């Protein structure tokens, strides 16, 4: 702040001693010391307030940047969800129309809805398959006494 050396301080002290006098000099020096301490505290408080304001501004900028990024991600996700929903709806409509066209081709009164052989495979009757294997009843556990 000020470039005051030892010699300048000695000159100031001698002038103060001559002007103020030896009986009032200690009280004036004490008062000046208190005022200088208050000035330093005030300057430090102002510096701290300025620093907090700068940090607050930086945090507000970071918050707005983060919120903008979050909104961008949200809009992208919503766009993807809407596109997937439209594709699902489109596919569902295609399947529904295909199912309707297949049910119109078949006569529901003439043929019951039973699974039949796949085209190209021979159909087997139950007599050609053979009898079902016999199932035996499970054995009852024996009781043991201890």
C-alpha atoms as a PDB file:
ATOM      1  CA  UNK A   1       0.000   0.000   0.000  1.00  0.00           C
ATOM      2  CA  UNK A   2       2.405   2.700   1.187  1.00  0.00           C
ATOM      3  CA  UNK A   3       6.129   2.233   0.975  1.00  0.00           C
ATOM      4  CA  UNK A   4       7.058   3.546   4.418  1.00  0.00           C
ATOM      5  CA  UNK A   5      10.457   2.586   5.763  1.00  0.00           C
ATOM      6  CA  UNK A   6      11.932   2.797   9.240  1.00  0.00           C
ATOM      7  CA  UNK A   7      13.414   6.237   8.729  1.00  0.00           C
ATOM      8  CA  UNK A   8      10.068   7.696   7.622  1.00  0.00           C
ATOM      9  CA  UNK A   9       8.402   6.223  10.711  1.00  0.00           C
ATOM     10  CA  UNK A  10      11.049   7.810  12.948  1.00  0.00           C
ATOM     11  CA  UNK A  11      10.480  11.219  11.346  1.00  0.00           C
ATOM     12  CA  UNK A  12       6.715  10.910  11.849  1.00  0.00           C
ATOM     13  CA  UNK A  13       7.211   9.864  15.502  1.00  0.00           C
ATOM     14  CA  UNK A  14       9.518  12.829  16.247  1.00  0.00           C
ATOM     15  CA  UNK A  15       7.093  15.307  14.630  1.00  0.00           C
ATOM     16  CA  UNK A  16       4.158  13.777  16.576  1.00  0.00           C
ATOM     17  CA  UNK A  17       6.132  14.010  19.815  1.00  0.00           C
ATOM     18  CA  UNK A  18       6.885  17.672  19.217  1.00  0.00           C
ATOM     19  CA  UNK A  19       3.359  18.621  18.057  1.00  0.00           C
ATOM     20  CA  UNK A  20       1.253  16.530  20.480  1.00  0.00           C
ATOM     21  CA  UNK A  21       3.503  16.477  23.475  1.00  0.00           C
ATOM     22  CA  UNK A  22       4.824  13.629  25.624  1.00  0.00           C
ATOM     23  CA  UNK A  23       1.786  13.391  27.988  1.00  0.00           C
ATOM     24  CA  UNK A  24      -0.888  12.985  25.241  1.00  0.00           C
ATOM     25  CA  UNK A  25       1.194  10.939  22.757  1.00  0.00           C
ATOM     26  CA  UNK A  26       0.439   7.468  24.276  1.00  0.00           C
ATOM     27  CA  UNK A  27      -3.317   8.118  24.279  1.00  0.00           C
ATOM     28  CA  UNK A  28      -3.261   9.409  20.675  1.00  0.00           C
ATOM     29  CA  UNK A  29      -1.150   6.424  19.565  1.00  0.00           C
ATOM     30  CA  UNK A  30      -3.617   4.027  21.244  1.00  0.00           C
ATOM     31  CA  UNK A  31      -6.573   5.752  19.537  1.00  0.00           C
ATOM     32  CA  UNK A  32      -4.805   5.662  16.167  1.00  0.00           C
ATOM     33  CA  UNK A  33      -4.069   1.953  16.713  1.00  0.00           C
ATOM     34  CA  UNK A  34      -7.751   1.235  17.423  1.00  0.00           C
ATOM     35  CA  UNK A  35      -8.836   3.237  14.374  1.00  0.00           C
ATOM     36  CA  UNK A  36      -6.272   1.453  12.198  1.00  0.00           C
ATOM     37  CA  UNK A  37      -7.536  -1.951  13.480  1.00  0.00           C
ATOM     38  CA  UNK A  38     -11.127  -0.986  12.708  1.00  0.00           C
ATOM     39  CA  UNK A  39     -10.067   0.134   9.230  1.00  0.00           C
ATOM     40  CA  UNK A  40      -8.334  -3.215   8.611  1.00  0.00           C
ATOM     41  CA  UNK A  41     -11.404  -5.168   9.810  1.00  0.00           C
ATOM     42  CA  UNK A  42     -13.663  -3.068   7.601  1.00  0.00           C
ATOM     43  CA  UNK A  43     -11.432  -3.626   4.562  1.00  0.00           C
ATOM     44  CA  UNK A  44     -11.313  -7.378   5.276  1.00  0.00           C
ATOM     45  CA  UNK A  45     -15.127  -7.491   5.614  1.00  0.00           C
ATOM     46  CA  UNK A  46     -15.544  -5.679   2.298  1.00  0.00           C
ATOM     47  CA  UNK A  47     -13.100  -8.094   0.637  1.00  0.00           C
ATOM     48  CA  UNK A  48     -15.005 -11.076   2.070  1.00  0.00           C
ATOM     49  CA  UNK A  49     -18.348  -9.642   0.873  1.00  0.00           C
ATOM     50  CA  UNK A  50     -16.969  -9.072  -2.616  1.00  0.00           C
ATOM     51  CA  UNK A  51     -15.551 -12.598  -2.669  1.00  0.00           C
ATOM     52  CA  UNK A  52     -18.914 -14.055  -1.583  1.00  0.00           C
ATOM     53  CA  UNK A  53     -20.733 -12.074  -4.270  1.00  0.00           C
ATOM     54  CA  UNK A  54     -18.324 -13.328  -6.913  1.00  0.00           C
ATOM     55  CA  UNK A  55     -18.795 -16.926  -5.731  1.00  0.00           C
ATOM     56  CA  UNK A  56     -22.570 -16.415  -5.688  1.00  0.00           C
ATOM     57  CA  UNK A  57     -22.507 -15.149  -9.268  1.00  0.00           C
ATOM     58  CA  UNK A  58     -20.373 -18.117 -10.335  1.00  0.00           C
ATOM     59  CA  UNK A  59     -22.798 -20.509  -8.632  1.00  0.00           C
ATOM     60  CA  UNK A  60     -25.755 -18.832 -10.352  1.00  0.00           C
ATOM     61  CA  UNK A  61     -24.011 -19.183 -13.720  1.00  0.00           C
ATOM     62  CA  UNK A  62     -23.227 -22.827 -12.989  1.00  0.00           C
ATOM     63  CA  UNK A  63     -26.830 -23.432 -11.897  1.00  0.00           C
ATOM     64  CA  UNK A  64     -28.236 -21.879 -15.063  1.00  0.00           C
ATOM     65  CA  UNK A  65     -25.799 -23.865 -17.223  1.00  0.00           C
ATOM     66  CA  UNK A  66     -26.739 -27.064 -15.410  1.00  0.00           C
ATOM     67  CA  UNK A  67     -30.467 -26.340 -15.740  1.00  0.00           C
ATOM     68  CA  UNK A  68     -30.059 -25.635 -19.466  1.00  0.00           C
ATOM     69  CA  UNK A  69     -28.231 -28.928 -19.905  1.00  0.00           C
ATOM     70  CA  UNK A  70     -30.930 -30.756 -17.922  1.00  0.00           C
ATOM     71  CA  UNK A  71     -33.655 -29.185 -20.076  1.00  0.00           C
ATOM     72  CA  UNK A  72     -31.773 -30.237 -23.211  1.00  0.00           C
ATOM     73  CA  UNK A  73     -31.457 -33.827 -21.991  1.00  0.00           C
ATOM     74  CA  UNK A  74     -35.127 -33.841 -20.965  1.00  0.00           C
ATOM     75  CA  UNK A  75     -36.235 -32.619 -24.383  1.00  0.00           C
ATOM     76  CA  UNK A  76     -34.059 -35.234 -26.118  1.00  0.00           C
ATOM     77  CA  UNK A  77     -35.497 -37.985 -23.912  1.00  0.00           C
ATOM     78  CA  UNK A  78     -39.055 -36.773 -24.562  1.00  0.00           C
ATOM     79  CA  UNK A  79     -38.368 -36.690 -28.302  1.00  0.00           C
ATOM     80  CA  UNK A  80     -37.051 -40.257 -28.212  1.00  0.00           C
ATOM     81  CA  UNK A  81     -40.004 -41.422 -26.114  1.00  0.00           C
ATOM     82  CA  UNK A  82     -42.449 -39.841 -28.550  1.00  0.00           C
ATOM     83  CA  UNK A  83     -40.708 -41.412 -31.545  1.00  0.00           C
ATOM     84  CA  UNK A  84     -40.698 -44.846 -29.878  1.00  0.00           C
ATOM     85  CA  UNK A  85     -44.365 -44.469 -28.943  1.00  0.00           C
ATOM     86  CA  UNK A  86     -45.265 -43.524 -32.518  1.00  0.00           C
ATOM     87  CA  UNK A  87     -43.320 -46.528 -33.851  1.00  0.00           C
ATOM     88  CA  UNK A  88     -45.059 -48.841 -31.369  1.00  0.00           C
ATOM     89  CA  UNK A  89     -48.454 -47.411 -32.309  1.00  0.00           C
ATOM     90  CA  UNK A  90     -47.643 -47.778 -36.004  1.00  0.00           C
ATOM     91  CA  UNK A  91     -46.530 -51.395 -35.519  1.00  0.00           C
ATOM     92  CA  UNK A  92     -49.599 -52.127 -33.401  1.00  0.00           C
ATOM     93  CA  UNK A  93     -51.878 -50.719 -36.109  1.00  0.00           C
ATOM     94  CA  UNK A  94     -50.077 -52.774 -38.767  1.00  0.00           C
ATOM     95  CA  UNK A  95     -50.503 -55.956 -36.710  1.00  0.00           C
ATOM     96  CA  UNK A  96     -54.149 -55.161 -36.044  1.00  0.00           C
ATOM     97  CA  UNK A  97     -54.850 -54.580 -39.735  1.00  0.00           C
ATOM     98  CA  UNK A  98     -52.967 -57.781 -40.641  1.00  0.00           C
ATOM     99  CA  UNK A  99     -54.929 -59.730 -38.030  1.00  0.00           C
ATOM    100  CA  UNK A 100     -58.192 -58.298 -39.328  1.00  0.00           C
ATOM    101  CA  UNK A 101     -57.300 -59.219 -42.903  1.00  0.00           C
ATOM    102  CA  UNK A 102     -56.410 -62.781 -41.806  1.00  0.00           C
ATOM    103  CA  UNK A 103     -59.663 -63.211 -39.894  1.00  0.00           C
ATOM    104  CA  UNK A 104     -61.627 -61.961 -42.914  1.00  0.00           C
ATOM    105  CA  UNK A 105     -59.964 -64.578 -45.142  1.00  0.00           C
ATOM    106  CA  UNK A 106     -60.892 -67.489 -42.869  1.00  0.00           C
ATOM    107  CA  UNK A 107     -64.541 -68.357 -42.309  1.00  0.00           C
ATOM    108  CA  UNK A 108     -64.923 -68.583 -38.538  1.00  0.00           C
ATOM    109  CA  UNK A 109     -68.083 -70.756 -38.747  1.00  0.00           C
ATOM    110  CA  UNK A 110     -66.496 -73.355 -41.033  1.00  0.00           C
ATOM    111  CA  UNK A 111     -63.265 -73.976 -39.195  1.00  0.00           C
ATOM    112  CA  UNK A 112     -62.852 -73.902 -35.410  1.00  0.00           C
ATOM    113  CA  UNK A 113     -59.774 -72.187 -34.033  1.00  0.00           C
ATOM    114  CA  UNK A 114     -57.688 -75.273 -33.268  1.00  0.00           C
ATOM    115  CA  UNK A 115     -54.052 -75.549 -34.035  1.00  0.00           C
ATOM    116  CA  UNK A 116     -53.418 -77.640 -37.101  1.00  0.00           C
ATOM    117  CA  UNK A 117     -50.324 -78.977 -38.778  1.00  0.00           C
ATOM    118  CA  UNK A 118     -47.926 -76.529 -40.288  1.00  0.00           C
ATOM    119  CA  UNK A 119     -48.134 -76.531 -44.062  1.00  0.00           C
ATOM    120  CA  UNK A 120     -45.792 -79.072 -45.589  1.00  0.00           C
ATOM    121  CA  UNK A 121     -45.832 -81.396 -42.546  1.00  0.00           C
ATOM    122  CA  UNK A 122     -47.930 -84.577 -42.539  1.00  0.00           C
ATOM    123  CA  UNK A 123     -50.701 -84.674 -39.998  1.00  0.00           C
ATOM    124  CA  UNK A 124     -50.627 -87.573 -37.507  1.00  0.00           C
ATOM    125  CA  UNK A 125     -53.647 -89.140 -35.927  1.00  0.00           C
ATOM    126  CA  UNK A 126     -53.604 -90.390 -32.322  1.00  0.00           C
ATOM    127  CA  UNK A 127     -53.535 -94.026 -33.526  1.00  0.00           C
ATOM    128  CA  UNK A 128     -50.373 -93.315 -35.533  1.00  0.00           C
ATOM    129  CA  UNK A 129     -48.680 -91.712 -32.537  1.00  0.00           C
ATOM    130  CA  UNK A 130     -49.249 -94.699 -30.283  1.00  0.00           C
ATOM    131  CA  UNK A 131     -50.611 -95.202 -26.795  1.00  0.00           C
ATOM    132  CA  UNK A 132     -49.696 -92.831 -23.994  1.00  0.00           C
ATOM    133  CA  UNK A 133     -47.142 -94.137 -21.527  1.00  0.00           C
ATOM    134  CA  UNK A 134     -48.610 -95.416 -18.279  1.00  0.00           C
ATOM    135  CA  UNK A 135     -48.029 -93.438 -15.196  1.00  0.00           C
ATOM    136  CA  UNK A 136     -47.604 -95.254 -11.948  1.00  0.00           C
ATOM    137  CA  UNK A 137     -48.851 -93.802  -8.701  1.00  0.00           C
ATOM    138  CA  UNK A 138     -46.108 -92.560  -6.419  1.00  0.00           C
ATOM    139  CA  UNK A 139     -45.116 -94.960  -3.643  1.00  0.00           C
ATOM    140  CA  UNK A 140     -46.200 -94.069  -0.142  1.00  0.00           C
ATOM    141  CA  UNK A 141     -43.351 -93.387   2.254  1.00  0.00           C
ATOM    142  CA  UNK A 142     -42.855 -95.968   4.968  1.00  0.00           C
ATOM    143  CA  UNK A 143     -43.318 -94.876   8.549  1.00  0.00           C
ATOM    144  CA  UNK A 144     -40.329 -95.317  10.755  1.00  0.00           C
ATOM    145  CA  UNK A 145     -40.275 -95.065  14.479  1.00  0.00           C
ATOM    146  CA  UNK A 146     -37.358 -93.876  16.462  1.00  0.00           C
END
